[in-house]
Amino acid sequence: MKIQWLQDSTGEYSYARVVGLLCIVCNLVGLFCIGIADINNIWQAIVACSGFLTGIFLWLIEIFRKLPSMSIKVGSKEYSLKKDK
């Protein structure tokens, strides 16, 4: 069984996508096992969700690494980032 969204354009499995998925799954399993009733403050919440945050961060790196150019319009100004090869 192939999971195509874990592969990049060359057909190889992307490290960032696979590790990001593993971080998110392990974090969700861990939260399910220990429960969320013991989380009392923001620091415990950050630590409890660190695997999820790491997975999302890796996916964002993968997305922005593949984009050739990006532009953001804020108010009347437009900021652009162009990637030169």
C-alpha atoms as a PDB file:
ATOM      1  CA  MET A   1       0.000   0.000   0.000  1.00  0.00           C
ATOM      2  CA  LYS A   2       1.482   3.329  -1.070  1.00  0.00           C
ATOM      3  CA  ILE A   3       0.668   6.555   0.682  1.00  0.00           C
ATOM      4  CA  GLN A   4       1.197   9.082  -2.074  1.00  0.00           C
ATOM      5  CA  TRP A   5       0.920  12.248   0.009  1.00  0.00           C
ATOM      6  CA  LEU A   6       4.066  11.165   1.896  1.00  0.00           C
ATOM      7  CA  GLN A   7       6.006  11.111  -1.387  1.00  0.00           C
ATOM      8  CA  ASP A   8       7.541  14.064  -3.166  1.00  0.00           C
ATOM      9  CA  SER A   9       7.449  14.797  -6.886  1.00  0.00           C
ATOM     10  CA  THR A  10      10.173  12.226  -7.633  1.00  0.00           C
ATOM     11  CA  GLY A  11       8.222   9.395  -6.001  1.00  0.00           C
ATOM     12  CA  GLU A  12      10.558   9.094  -3.014  1.00  0.00           C
ATOM     13  CA  TYR A  13       9.292   9.300   0.539  1.00  0.00           C
ATOM     14  CA  SER A  14       9.943  12.752   1.968  1.00  0.00           C
ATOM     15  CA  TYR A  15      11.810  12.744   5.277  1.00  0.00           C
ATOM     16  CA  ALA A  16       9.935  15.775   6.606  1.00  0.00           C
ATOM     17  CA  ARG A  17       6.537  14.342   5.722  1.00  0.00           C
ATOM     18  CA  VAL A  18       7.201  10.886   7.195  1.00  0.00           C
ATOM     19  CA  VAL A  19       8.802  12.157  10.415  1.00  0.00           C
ATOM     20  CA  GLY A  20       6.087  14.812  10.751  1.00  0.00           C
ATOM     21  CA  LEU A  21       3.382  12.164  10.465  1.00  0.00           C
ATOM     22  CA  LEU A  22       5.149   9.950  13.015  1.00  0.00           C
ATOM     23  CA  CYS A  23       5.461  12.864  15.449  1.00  0.00           C
ATOM     24  CA  ILE A  24       1.764  13.698  15.156  1.00  0.00           C
ATOM     25  CA  VAL A  25       0.622  10.071  15.501  1.00  0.00           C
ATOM     26  CA  CYS A  26       2.911   9.410  18.487  1.00  0.00           C
ATOM     27  CA  ASN A  27       1.752  12.624  20.146  1.00  0.00           C
ATOM     28  CA  LEU A  28      -1.917  11.709  19.699  1.00  0.00           C
ATOM     29  CA  VAL A  29      -1.346   8.173  21.006  1.00  0.00           C
ATOM     30  CA  GLY A  30       0.587   9.551  23.970  1.00  0.00           C
ATOM     31  CA  LEU A  31      -2.153  12.044  24.792  1.00  0.00           C
ATOM     32  CA  PHE A  32      -4.734   9.290  24.521  1.00  0.00           C
ATOM     33  CA  CYS A  33      -2.743   7.058  26.912  1.00  0.00           C
ATOM     34  CA  ILE A  34      -1.904   9.644  29.573  1.00  0.00           C
ATOM     35  CA  GLY A  35      -5.012  11.778  29.141  1.00  0.00           C
ATOM     36  CA  ILE A  36      -5.266  15.541  29.203  1.00  0.00           C
ATOM     37  CA  ALA A  37      -6.696  15.894  32.720  1.00  0.00           C
ATOM     38  CA  ASP A  38      -3.204  16.341  34.215  1.00  0.00           C
ATOM     39  CA  ILE A  39      -2.406  19.420  32.104  1.00  0.00           C
ATOM     40  CA  ASN A  40      -2.745  22.420  34.423  1.00  0.00           C
ATOM     41  CA  ASN A  41      -0.814  25.262  32.798  1.00  0.00           C
ATOM     42  CA  ILE A  42       0.446  26.501  29.448  1.00  0.00           C
ATOM     43  CA  TRP A  43       3.925  24.957  29.787  1.00  0.00           C
ATOM     44  CA  GLN A  44       2.508  21.498  30.361  1.00  0.00           C
ATOM     45  CA  ALA A  45       0.240  22.006  27.331  1.00  0.00           C
ATOM     46  CA  ILE A  46       3.210  23.013  25.169  1.00  0.00           C
ATOM     47  CA  VAL A  47       5.186  19.962  26.287  1.00  0.00           C
ATOM     48  CA  ALA A  48       2.173  17.673  25.799  1.00  0.00           C
ATOM     49  CA  CYS A  49       1.679  18.973  22.245  1.00  0.00           C
ATOM     50  CA  SER A  50       5.364  19.217  21.305  1.00  0.00           C
ATOM     51  CA  GLY A  51       5.198  16.226  18.937  1.00  0.00           C
ATOM     52  CA  PHE A  52       2.194  17.717  17.169  1.00  0.00           C
ATOM     53  CA  LEU A  53       3.894  21.119  16.906  1.00  0.00           C
ATOM     54  CA  THR A  54       7.096  19.506  15.581  1.00  0.00           C
ATOM     55  CA  GLY A  55       5.131  17.588  12.931  1.00  0.00           C
ATOM     56  CA  ILE A  56       3.331  20.730  11.759  1.00  0.00           C
ATOM     57  CA  PHE A  57       6.628  22.649  11.707  1.00  0.00           C
ATOM     58  CA  LEU A  58       8.265  19.957   9.539  1.00  0.00           C
ATOM     59  CA  TRP A  59       5.334  20.010   7.120  1.00  0.00           C
ATOM     60  CA  LEU A  60       5.530  23.816   6.870  1.00  0.00           C
ATOM     61  CA  ILE A  61       9.250  23.618   6.118  1.00  0.00           C
ATOM     62  CA  GLU A  62       8.487  21.092   3.376  1.00  0.00           C
ATOM     63  CA  ILE A  63       5.770  23.319   1.884  1.00  0.00           C
ATOM     64  CA  PHE A  64       7.866  26.504   1.865  1.00  0.00           C
ATOM     65  CA  ARG A  65      10.918  24.669   0.544  1.00  0.00           C
ATOM     66  CA  LYS A  66       8.985  23.549  -2.543  1.00  0.00           C
ATOM     67  CA  LEU A  67       7.403  26.909  -3.376  1.00  0.00           C
ATOM     68  CA  PRO A  68       9.225  28.730  -6.206  1.00  0.00           C
ATOM     69  CA  SER A  69       7.822  32.118  -5.242  1.00  0.00           C
ATOM     70  CA  MET A  70       5.354  33.512  -2.784  1.00  0.00           C
ATOM     71  CA  SER A  71       3.681  36.875  -2.348  1.00  0.00           C
ATOM     72  CA  ILE A  72       1.624  38.248   0.511  1.00  0.00           C
ATOM     73  CA  LYS A  73      -0.552  41.321   0.275  1.00  0.00           C
ATOM     74  CA  VAL A  74      -0.895  43.316   3.489  1.00  0.00           C
ATOM     75  CA  GLY A  75      -3.127  46.322   3.112  1.00  0.00           C
ATOM     76  CA  SER A  76      -2.010  48.175   0.003  1.00  0.00           C
ATOM     77  CA  LYS A  77       1.532  46.748  -0.046  1.00  0.00           C
ATOM     78  CA  GLU A  78       2.576  43.447  -1.548  1.00  0.00           C
ATOM     79  CA  TYR A  79       5.610  41.556  -0.250  1.00  0.00           C
ATOM     80  CA  SER A  80       7.117  38.835  -2.409  1.00  0.00           C
ATOM     81  CA  LEU A  81       9.740  36.174  -1.920  1.00  0.00           C
ATOM     82  CA  LYS A  82      11.299  34.677  -5.017  1.00  0.00           C
ATOM     83  CA  LYS A  83      13.455  31.612  -4.887  1.00  0.00           C
ATOM     84  CA  ASP A  84      16.381  31.644  -7.301  1.00  0.00           C
ATOM     85  CA  LYS A  85      17.763  28.318  -8.460  1.00  0.00           C
END
